[in-house]
mmCIF file of all heavy atoms, coordinates in Angstrom:
data_MODEL
# 
_entry.id   MODEL 
# 
loop_
_atom_site.group_PDB 
_atom_site.id 
_atom_site.type_symbol 
_atom_site.label_atom_id 
_atom_site.label_alt_id 
_atom_site.label_comp_id 
_atom_site.label_asym_id 
_atom_site.label_entity_id 
_atom_site.label_seq_id 
_atom_site.pdbx_PDB_ins_code 
_atom_site.Cartn_x 
_atom_site.Cartn_y 
_atom_site.Cartn_z 
_atom_site.occupancy 
_atom_site.B_iso_or_equiv 
_atom_site.pdbx_formal_charge 
_atom_site.auth_seq_id 
_atom_site.auth_comp_id 
_atom_site.auth_asym_id 
_atom_site.auth_atom_id 
_atom_site.pdbx_PDB_model_num 
ATOM 1   N N   . TRP A 1 1  ? 15.577  1.584  -6.069 1.00 0.00 ? 1  TRP A N   1 
ATOM 2   C CA  . TRP A 1 1  ? 14.516  2.555  -5.804 1.00 0.00 ? 1  TRP A CA  1 
ATOM 3   C C   . TRP A 1 1  ? 13.438  1.988  -4.883 1.00 0.00 ? 1  TRP A C   1 
ATOM 4   O O   . TRP A 1 1  ? 12.627  2.751  -4.343 1.00 0.00 ? 1  TRP A O   1 
ATOM 5   C CB  . TRP A 1 1  ? 13.860  3.007  -7.116 1.00 0.00 ? 1  TRP A CB  1 
ATOM 6   C CG  . TRP A 1 1  ? 14.675  3.993  -7.873 1.00 0.00 ? 1  TRP A CG  1 
ATOM 7   C CD1 . TRP A 1 1  ? 15.457  3.751  -8.974 1.00 0.00 ? 1  TRP A CD1 1 
ATOM 8   C CD2 . TRP A 1 1  ? 14.809  5.389  -7.586 1.00 0.00 ? 1  TRP A CD2 1 
ATOM 9   N NE1 . TRP A 1 1  ? 16.065  4.905  -9.394 1.00 0.00 ? 1  TRP A NE1 1 
ATOM 10  C CE2 . TRP A 1 1  ? 15.691  5.929  -8.556 1.00 0.00 ? 1  TRP A CE2 1 
ATOM 11  C CE3 . TRP A 1 1  ? 14.290  6.236  -6.607 1.00 0.00 ? 1  TRP A CE3 1 
ATOM 12  C CZ2 . TRP A 1 1  ? 16.047  7.278  -8.575 1.00 0.00 ? 1  TRP A CZ2 1 
ATOM 13  C CZ3 . TRP A 1 1  ? 14.637  7.579  -6.617 1.00 0.00 ? 1  TRP A CZ3 1 
ATOM 14  C CH2 . TRP A 1 1  ? 15.508  8.079  -7.590 1.00 0.00 ? 1  TRP A CH2 1 
ATOM 15  N N   . VAL A 1 2  ? 13.430  0.666  -4.712 1.00 0.00 ? 2  VAL A N   1 
ATOM 16  C CA  . VAL A 1 2  ? 12.387  0.044  -3.886 1.00 0.00 ? 2  VAL A CA  1 
ATOM 17  C C   . VAL A 1 2  ? 12.434  0.522  -2.431 1.00 0.00 ? 2  VAL A C   1 
ATOM 18  O O   . VAL A 1 2  ? 11.399  0.902  -1.873 1.00 0.00 ? 2  VAL A O   1 
ATOM 19  C CB  . VAL A 1 2  ? 12.479  -1.497 -3.977 1.00 0.00 ? 2  VAL A CB  1 
ATOM 20  C CG1 . VAL A 1 2  ? 11.537  -2.153 -2.966 1.00 0.00 ? 2  VAL A CG1 1 
ATOM 21  C CG2 . VAL A 1 2  ? 12.147  -1.967 -5.379 1.00 0.00 ? 2  VAL A CG2 1 
ATOM 22  N N   . PRO A 1 3  ? 13.606  0.538  -1.760 1.00 0.00 ? 3  PRO A N   1 
ATOM 23  C CA  . PRO A 1 3  ? 13.629  1.052  -0.383 1.00 0.00 ? 3  PRO A CA  1 
ATOM 24  C C   . PRO A 1 3  ? 13.206  2.510  -0.285 1.00 0.00 ? 3  PRO A C   1 
ATOM 25  O O   . PRO A 1 3  ? 12.555  2.905  0.696  1.00 0.00 ? 3  PRO A O   1 
ATOM 26  C CB  . PRO A 1 3  ? 15.093  0.868  0.047  1.00 0.00 ? 3  PRO A CB  1 
ATOM 27  C CG  . PRO A 1 3  ? 15.643  -0.166 -0.873 1.00 0.00 ? 3  PRO A CG  1 
ATOM 28  C CD  . PRO A 1 3  ? 14.938  0.015  -2.159 1.00 0.00 ? 3  PRO A CD  1 
ATOM 29  N N   . VAL A 1 4  ? 13.577  3.300  -1.298 1.00 0.00 ? 4  VAL A N   1 
ATOM 30  C CA  . VAL A 1 4  ? 13.179  4.716  -1.299 1.00 0.00 ? 4  VAL A CA  1 
ATOM 31  C C   . VAL A 1 4  ? 11.662  4.820  -1.403 1.00 0.00 ? 4  VAL A C   1 
ATOM 32  O O   . VAL A 1 4  ? 11.010  5.578  -0.659 1.00 0.00 ? 4  VAL A O   1 
ATOM 33  C CB  . VAL A 1 4  ? 13.857  5.466  -2.460 1.00 0.00 ? 4  VAL A CB  1 
ATOM 34  C CG1 . VAL A 1 4  ? 13.440  6.937  -2.455 1.00 0.00 ? 4  VAL A CG1 1 
ATOM 35  C CG2 . VAL A 1 4  ? 15.371  5.346  -2.369 1.00 0.00 ? 4  VAL A CG2 1 
ATOM 36  N N   . ALA A 1 5  ? 11.094  4.059  -2.352 1.00 0.00 ? 5  ALA A N   1 
ATOM 37  C CA  . ALA A 1 5  ? 9.639   4.069  -2.524 1.00 0.00 ? 5  ALA A CA  1 
ATOM 38  C C   . ALA A 1 5  ? 8.941   3.574  -1.268 1.00 0.00 ? 5  ALA A C   1 
ATOM 39  O O   . ALA A 1 5  ? 7.905   4.120  -0.865 1.00 0.00 ? 5  ALA A O   1 
ATOM 40  C CB  . ALA A 1 5  ? 9.257   3.204  -3.725 1.00 0.00 ? 5  ALA A CB  1 
ATOM 41  N N   . LEU A 1 6  ? 9.518   2.566  -0.627 1.00 0.00 ? 6  LEU A N   1 
ATOM 42  C CA  . LEU A 1 6  ? 8.922   2.029  0.602  1.00 0.00 ? 6  LEU A CA  1 
ATOM 43  C C   . LEU A 1 6  ? 8.894   3.079  1.703  1.00 0.00 ? 6  LEU A C   1 
ATOM 44  O O   . LEU A 1 6  ? 7.890   3.229  2.409  1.00 0.00 ? 6  LEU A O   1 
ATOM 45  C CB  . LEU A 1 6  ? 9.705   0.795  1.056  1.00 0.00 ? 6  LEU A CB  1 
ATOM 46  C CG  . LEU A 1 6  ? 9.193   0.089  2.316  1.00 0.00 ? 6  LEU A CG  1 
ATOM 47  C CD1 . LEU A 1 6  ? 7.763   -0.398 2.118  1.00 0.00 ? 6  LEU A CD1 1 
ATOM 48  C CD2 . LEU A 1 6  ? 10.105  -1.076 2.687  1.00 0.00 ? 6  LEU A CD2 1 
ATOM 49  N N   . CYS A 1 7  ? 9.970   3.823  1.852  1.00 0.00 ? 7  CYS A N   1 
ATOM 50  C CA  . CYS A 1 7  ? 10.019  4.897  2.867  1.00 0.00 ? 7  CYS A CA  1 
ATOM 51  C C   . CYS A 1 7  ? 8.973   5.963  2.595  1.00 0.00 ? 7  CYS A C   1 
ATOM 52  O O   . CYS A 1 7  ? 8.296   6.442  3.515  1.00 0.00 ? 7  CYS A O   1 
ATOM 53  C CB  . CYS A 1 7  ? 11.412  5.518  2.908  1.00 0.00 ? 7  CYS A CB  1 
ATOM 54  S SG  . CYS A 1 7  ? 12.688  4.445  3.597  1.00 0.00 ? 7  CYS A SG  1 
ATOM 55  N N   . VAL A 1 8  ? 8.820   6.342  1.324  1.00 0.00 ? 8  VAL A N   1 
ATOM 56  C CA  . VAL A 1 8  ? 7.837   7.367  0.960  1.00 0.00 ? 8  VAL A CA  1 
ATOM 57  C C   . VAL A 1 8  ? 6.419   6.861  1.223  1.00 0.00 ? 8  VAL A C   1 
ATOM 58  O O   . VAL A 1 8  ? 5.562   7.600  1.729  1.00 0.00 ? 8  VAL A O   1 
ATOM 59  C CB  . VAL A 1 8  ? 8.013   7.775  -0.520 1.00 0.00 ? 8  VAL A CB  1 
ATOM 60  C CG1 . VAL A 1 8  ? 6.889   8.704  -0.964 1.00 0.00 ? 8  VAL A CG1 1 
ATOM 61  C CG2 . VAL A 1 8  ? 9.348   8.463  -0.723 1.00 0.00 ? 8  VAL A CG2 1 
ATOM 62  N N   . ILE A 1 9  ? 6.164   5.601  0.889  1.00 0.00 ? 9  ILE A N   1 
ATOM 63  C CA  . ILE A 1 9  ? 4.840   5.019  1.146  1.00 0.00 ? 9  ILE A CA  1 
ATOM 64  C C   . ILE A 1 9  ? 4.554   4.980  2.644  1.00 0.00 ? 9  ILE A C   1 
ATOM 65  O O   . ILE A 1 9  ? 3.438   5.273  3.094  1.00 0.00 ? 9  ILE A O   1 
ATOM 66  C CB  . ILE A 1 9  ? 4.753   3.613  0.526  1.00 0.00 ? 9  ILE A CB  1 
ATOM 67  C CG1 . ILE A 1 9  ? 4.719   3.710  -1.003 1.00 0.00 ? 9  ILE A CG1 1 
ATOM 68  C CG2 . ILE A 1 9  ? 3.508   2.874  1.026  1.00 0.00 ? 9  ILE A CG2 1 
ATOM 69  C CD1 . ILE A 1 9  ? 4.788   2.369  -1.707 1.00 0.00 ? 9  ILE A CD1 1 
ATOM 70  N N   . LEU A 1 10 ? 5.554   4.630  3.446  1.00 0.00 ? 10 LEU A N   1 
ATOM 71  C CA  . LEU A 1 10 ? 5.365   4.580  4.894  1.00 0.00 ? 10 LEU A CA  1 
ATOM 72  C C   . LEU A 1 10 ? 5.114   5.966  5.478  1.00 0.00 ? 10 LEU A C   1 
ATOM 73  O O   . LEU A 1 10 ? 4.307   6.124  6.401  1.00 0.00 ? 10 LEU A O   1 
ATOM 74  C CB  . LEU A 1 10 ? 6.589   3.945  5.559  1.00 0.00 ? 10 LEU A CB  1 
ATOM 75  C CG  . LEU A 1 10 ? 6.772   2.438  5.319  1.00 0.00 ? 10 LEU A CG  1 
ATOM 76  C CD1 . LEU A 1 10 ? 8.094   1.963  5.897  1.00 0.00 ? 10 LEU A CD1 1 
ATOM 77  C CD2 . LEU A 1 10 ? 5.618   1.644  5.928  1.00 0.00 ? 10 LEU A CD2 1 
ATOM 78  N N   . LEU A 1 11 ? 5.787   6.979  4.937  1.00 0.00 ? 11 LEU A N   1 
ATOM 79  C CA  . LEU A 1 11 ? 5.550   8.349  5.398  1.00 0.00 ? 11 LEU A CA  1 
ATOM 80  C C   . LEU A 1 11 ? 4.128   8.790  5.071  1.00 0.00 ? 11 LEU A C   1 
ATOM 81  O O   . LEU A 1 11 ? 3.480   9.488  5.854  1.00 0.00 ? 11 LEU A O   1 
ATOM 82  C CB  . LEU A 1 11 ? 6.565   9.308  4.773  1.00 0.00 ? 11 LEU A CB  1 
ATOM 83  C CG  . LEU A 1 11 ? 7.982   9.255  5.348  1.00 0.00 ? 11 LEU A CG  1 
ATOM 84  C CD1 . LEU A 1 11 ? 8.926   10.105 4.513  1.00 0.00 ? 11 LEU A CD1 1 
ATOM 85  C CD2 . LEU A 1 11 ? 7.990   9.719  6.806  1.00 0.00 ? 11 LEU A CD2 1 
ATOM 86  N N   . ASN A 1 12 ? 3.650   8.375  3.891  1.00 0.00 ? 12 ASN A N   1 
ATOM 87  C CA  . ASN A 1 12 ? 2.256   8.653  3.556  1.00 0.00 ? 12 ASN A CA  1 
ATOM 88  C C   . ASN A 1 12 ? 1.319   7.859  4.452  1.00 0.00 ? 12 ASN A C   1 
ATOM 89  O O   . ASN A 1 12 ? 0.277   8.364  4.890  1.00 0.00 ? 12 ASN A O   1 
ATOM 90  C CB  . ASN A 1 12 ? 1.979   8.318  2.088  1.00 0.00 ? 12 ASN A CB  1 
ATOM 91  C CG  . ASN A 1 12 ? 2.359   9.442  1.146  1.00 0.00 ? 12 ASN A CG  1 
ATOM 92  O OD1 . ASN A 1 12 ? 1.656   10.443 1.046  1.00 0.00 ? 12 ASN A OD1 1 
ATOM 93  N ND2 . ASN A 1 12 ? 3.476   9.302  0.466  1.00 0.00 ? 12 ASN A ND2 1 
ATOM 94  N N   . GLY A 1 13 ? 1.696   6.613  4.734  1.00 0.00 ? 13 GLY A N   1 
ATOM 95  C CA  . GLY A 1 13 ? 0.870   5.792  5.613  1.00 0.00 ? 13 GLY A CA  1 
ATOM 96  C C   . GLY A 1 13 ? 0.771   6.350  7.017  1.00 0.00 ? 13 GLY A C   1 
ATOM 97  O O   . GLY A 1 13 ? -0.266  6.231  7.677  1.00 0.00 ? 13 GLY A O   1 
ATOM 98  N N   . LEU A 1 14 ? 1.841   7.013  7.479  1.00 0.00 ? 14 LEU A N   1 
ATOM 99  C CA  . LEU A 1 14 ? 1.837   7.572  8.831  1.00 0.00 ? 14 LEU A CA  1 
ATOM 100 C C   . LEU A 1 14 ? 0.863   8.732  8.944  1.00 0.00 ? 14 LEU A C   1 
ATOM 101 O O   . LEU A 1 14 ? 0.083   8.799  9.905  1.00 0.00 ? 14 LEU A O   1 
ATOM 102 C CB  . LEU A 1 14 ? 3.254   8.009  9.218  1.00 0.00 ? 14 LEU A CB  1 
ATOM 103 C CG  . LEU A 1 14 ? 3.420   8.587  10.629 1.00 0.00 ? 14 LEU A CG  1 
ATOM 104 C CD1 . LEU A 1 14 ? 2.926   7.603  11.682 1.00 0.00 ? 14 LEU A CD1 1 
ATOM 105 C CD2 . LEU A 1 14 ? 4.875   8.964  10.897 1.00 0.00 ? 14 LEU A CD2 1 
ATOM 106 N N   . TRP A 1 15 ? 0.888   9.654  7.975  1.00 0.00 ? 15 TRP A N   1 
ATOM 107 C CA  . TRP A 1 15 ? -0.051  10.775 8.086  1.00 0.00 ? 15 TRP A CA  1 
ATOM 108 C C   . TRP A 1 15 ? -1.491  10.293 7.908  1.00 0.00 ? 15 TRP A C   1 
ATOM 109 O O   . TRP A 1 15 ? -2.422  10.820 8.540  1.00 0.00 ? 15 TRP A O   1 
ATOM 110 C CB  . TRP A 1 15 ? 0.280   11.911 7.132  1.00 0.00 ? 15 TRP A CB  1 
ATOM 111 C CG  . TRP A 1 15 ? -0.012  11.746 5.669  1.00 0.00 ? 15 TRP A CG  1 
ATOM 112 C CD1 . TRP A 1 15 ? 0.886   11.520 4.670  1.00 0.00 ? 15 TRP A CD1 1 
ATOM 113 C CD2 . TRP A 1 15 ? -1.296  11.850 5.022  1.00 0.00 ? 15 TRP A CD2 1 
ATOM 114 N NE1 . TRP A 1 15 ? 0.243   11.455 3.447  1.00 0.00 ? 15 TRP A NE1 1 
ATOM 115 C CE2 . TRP A 1 15 ? -1.086  11.662 3.640  1.00 0.00 ? 15 TRP A CE2 1 
ATOM 116 C CE3 . TRP A 1 15 ? -2.594  12.080 5.480  1.00 0.00 ? 15 TRP A CE3 1 
ATOM 117 C CZ2 . TRP A 1 15 ? -2.129  11.686 2.704  1.00 0.00 ? 15 TRP A CZ2 1 
ATOM 118 C CZ3 . TRP A 1 15 ? -3.642  12.099 4.552  1.00 0.00 ? 15 TRP A CZ3 1 
ATOM 119 C CH2 . TRP A 1 15 ? -3.398  11.901 3.183  1.00 0.00 ? 15 TRP A CH2 1 
ATOM 120 N N   . MET A 1 16 ? -1.689  9.276  7.075  1.00 0.00 ? 16 MET A N   1 
ATOM 121 C CA  . MET A 1 16 ? -3.042  8.738  6.911  1.00 0.00 ? 16 MET A CA  1 
ATOM 122 C C   . MET A 1 16 ? -3.535  8.113  8.208  1.00 0.00 ? 16 MET A C   1 
ATOM 123 O O   . MET A 1 16 ? -4.697  8.295  8.600  1.00 0.00 ? 16 MET A O   1 
ATOM 124 C CB  . MET A 1 16 ? -3.059  7.700  5.787  1.00 0.00 ? 16 MET A CB  1 
ATOM 125 C CG  . MET A 1 16 ? -2.875  8.269  4.390  1.00 0.00 ? 16 MET A CG  1 
ATOM 126 S SD  . MET A 1 16 ? -2.891  6.957  3.144  1.00 0.00 ? 16 MET A SD  1 
ATOM 127 C CE  . MET A 1 16 ? -2.380  7.875  1.688  1.00 0.00 ? 16 MET A CE  1 
ATOM 128 N N   . ALA A 1 17 ? -2.653  7.353  8.884  1.00 0.00 ? 17 ALA A N   1 
ATOM 129 C CA  . ALA A 1 17 ? -3.044  6.715  10.143 1.00 0.00 ? 17 ALA A CA  1 
ATOM 130 C C   . ALA A 1 17 ? -3.356  7.763  11.210 1.00 0.00 ? 17 ALA A C   1 
ATOM 131 O O   . ALA A 1 17 ? -4.344  7.635  11.948 1.00 0.00 ? 17 ALA A O   1 
ATOM 132 C CB  . ALA A 1 17 ? -1.937  5.774  10.617 1.00 0.00 ? 17 ALA A CB  1 
ATOM 133 N N   . LEU A 1 18 ? -2.528  8.796  11.298 1.00 0.00 ? 18 LEU A N   1 
ATOM 134 C CA  . LEU A 1 18 ? -2.759  9.842  12.295 1.00 0.00 ? 18 LEU A CA  1 
ATOM 135 C C   . LEU A 1 18 ? -4.043  10.615 12.013 1.00 0.00 ? 18 LEU A C   1 
ATOM 136 O O   . LEU A 1 18 ? -4.843  10.873 12.924 1.00 0.00 ? 18 LEU A O   1 
ATOM 137 C CB  . LEU A 1 18 ? -1.572  10.803 12.334 1.00 0.00 ? 18 LEU A CB  1 
ATOM 138 C CG  . LEU A 1 18 ? -0.249  10.244 12.865 1.00 0.00 ? 18 LEU A CG  1 
ATOM 139 C CD1 . LEU A 1 18 ? 0.870   11.266 12.672 1.00 0.00 ? 18 LEU A CD1 1 
ATOM 140 C CD2 . LEU A 1 18 ? -0.368  9.854  14.337 1.00 0.00 ? 18 LEU A CD2 1 
ATOM 141 N N   . LEU A 1 19 ? -4.258  10.975 10.751 1.00 0.00 ? 19 LEU A N   1 
ATOM 142 C CA  . LEU A 1 19 ? -5.432  11.777 10.397 1.00 0.00 ? 19 LEU A CA  1 
ATOM 143 C C   . LEU A 1 19 ? -6.711  10.950 10.450 1.00 0.00 ? 19 LEU A C   1 
ATOM 144 O O   . LEU A 1 19 ? -7.685  11.329 11.122 1.00 0.00 ? 19 LEU A O   1 
ATOM 145 C CB  . LEU A 1 19 ? -5.257  12.373 9.001  1.00 0.00 ? 19 LEU A CB  1 
ATOM 146 C CG  . LEU A 1 19 ? -6.437  13.201 8.467  1.00 0.00 ? 19 LEU A CG  1 
ATOM 147 C CD1 . LEU A 1 19 ? -6.700  14.393 9.369  1.00 0.00 ? 19 LEU A CD1 1 
ATOM 148 C CD2 . LEU A 1 19 ? -6.179  13.661 7.036  1.00 0.00 ? 19 LEU A CD2 1 
ATOM 149 N N   . PHE A 1 20 ? -6.715  9.815  9.751  1.00 0.00 ? 20 PHE A N   1 
ATOM 150 C CA  . PHE A 1 20 ? -7.927  8.995  9.713  1.00 0.00 ? 20 PHE A CA  1 
ATOM 151 C C   . PHE A 1 20 ? -8.208  8.362  11.075 1.00 0.00 ? 20 PHE A C   1 
ATOM 152 O O   . PHE A 1 20 ? -9.368  8.168  11.448 1.00 0.00 ? 20 PHE A O   1 
ATOM 153 C CB  . PHE A 1 20 ? -7.801  7.910  8.646  1.00 0.00 ? 20 PHE A CB  1 
ATOM 154 C CG  . PHE A 1 20 ? -7.658  8.451  7.254  1.00 0.00 ? 20 PHE A CG  1 
ATOM 155 C CD1 . PHE A 1 20 ? -6.987  7.750  6.276  1.00 0.00 ? 20 PHE A CD1 1 
ATOM 156 C CD2 . PHE A 1 20 ? -8.207  9.672  6.917  1.00 0.00 ? 20 PHE A CD2 1 
ATOM 157 C CE1 . PHE A 1 20 ? -6.855  8.240  4.990  1.00 0.00 ? 20 PHE A CE1 1 
ATOM 158 C CE2 . PHE A 1 20 ? -8.083  10.192 5.631  1.00 0.00 ? 20 PHE A CE2 1 
ATOM 159 C CZ  . PHE A 1 20 ? -7.398  9.466  4.665  1.00 0.00 ? 20 PHE A CZ  1 
ATOM 160 N N   . GLY A 1 21 ? -7.137  8.028  11.808 1.00 0.00 ? 21 GLY A N   1 
ATOM 161 C CA  . GLY A 1 21 ? -7.333  7.493  13.152 1.00 0.00 ? 21 GLY A CA  1 
ATOM 162 C C   . GLY A 1 21 ? -7.970  8.518  14.075 1.00 0.00 ? 21 GLY A C   1 
ATOM 163 O O   . GLY A 1 21 ? -8.835  8.193  14.889 1.00 0.00 ? 21 GLY A O   1 
ATOM 164 N N   . LEU A 1 22 ? -7.538  9.775  13.938 1.00 0.00 ? 22 LEU A N   1 
ATOM 165 C CA  . LEU A 1 22 ? -8.110  10.867 14.733 1.00 0.00 ? 22 LEU A CA  1 
ATOM 166 C C   . LEU A 1 22 ? -9.585  11.077 14.394 1.00 0.00 ? 22 LEU A C   1 
ATOM 167 O O   . LEU A 1 22 ? -10.439 11.166 15.287 1.00 0.00 ? 22 LEU A O   1 
ATOM 168 C CB  . LEU A 1 22 ? -7.322  12.149 14.478 1.00 0.00 ? 22 LEU A CB  1 
ATOM 169 C CG  . LEU A 1 22 ? -7.796  13.420 15.171 1.00 0.00 ? 22 LEU A CG  1 
ATOM 170 C CD1 . LEU A 1 22 ? -7.498  13.338 16.659 1.00 0.00 ? 22 LEU A CD1 1 
ATOM 171 C CD2 . LEU A 1 22 ? -7.121  14.645 14.573 1.00 0.00 ? 22 LEU A CD2 1 
ATOM 172 N N   . LEU A 1 23 ? -9.891  11.136 13.093 1.00 0.00 ? 23 LEU A N   1 
ATOM 173 C CA  . LEU A 1 23 ? -11.277 11.343 12.669 1.00 0.00 ? 23 LEU A CA  1 
ATOM 174 C C   . LEU A 1 23 ? -12.155 10.165 13.058 1.00 0.00 ? 23 LEU A C   1 
ATOM 175 O O   . LEU A 1 23 ? -13.325 10.348 13.430 1.00 0.00 ? 23 LEU A O   1 
ATOM 176 C CB  . LEU A 1 23 ? -11.320 11.554 11.142 1.00 0.00 ? 23 LEU A CB  1 
ATOM 177 C CG  . LEU A 1 23 ? -10.643 12.818 10.615 1.00 0.00 ? 23 LEU A CG  1 
ATOM 178 C CD1 . LEU A 1 23 ? -10.675 12.840 9.096  1.00 0.00 ? 23 LEU A CD1 1 
ATOM 179 C CD2 . LEU A 1 23 ? -11.319 14.072 11.169 1.00 0.00 ? 23 LEU A CD2 1 
ATOM 180 N N   . SER A 1 24 ? -11.591 8.950  12.980 1.00 0.00 ? 24 SER A N   1 
ATOM 181 C CA  . SER A 1 24 ? -12.367 7.755  13.329 1.00 0.00 ? 24 SER A CA  1 
ATOM 182 C C   . SER A 1 24 ? -12.664 7.692  14.816 1.00 0.00 ? 24 SER A C   1 
ATOM 183 O O   . SER A 1 24 ? -13.718 7.186  15.224 1.00 0.00 ? 24 SER A O   1 
ATOM 184 C CB  . SER A 1 24 ? -11.613 6.499  12.890 1.00 0.00 ? 24 SER A CB  1 
ATOM 185 O OG  . SER A 1 24 ? -11.416 6.481  11.490 1.00 0.00 ? 24 SER A OG  1 
ATOM 186 N N   . ALA A 1 25 ? -11.723 8.175  15.635 1.00 0.00 ? 25 ALA A N   1 
ATOM 187 C CA  . ALA A 1 25 ? -11.966 8.197  17.073 1.00 0.00 ? 25 ALA A CA  1 
ATOM 188 C C   . ALA A 1 25 ? -13.137 9.121  17.416 1.00 0.00 ? 25 ALA A C   1 
ATOM 189 O O   . ALA A 1 25 ? -13.892 8.855  18.352 1.00 0.00 ? 25 ALA A O   1 
ATOM 190 C CB  . ALA A 1 25 ? -10.702 8.640  17.806 1.00 0.00 ? 25 ALA A CB  1 
# 
């Protein structure tokens, strides 16, 4: 389950980076 959890965490990390990066800019 670790690779599955890692993929889900990365998908969450991607939207956070896009959203927070946009707001921070």
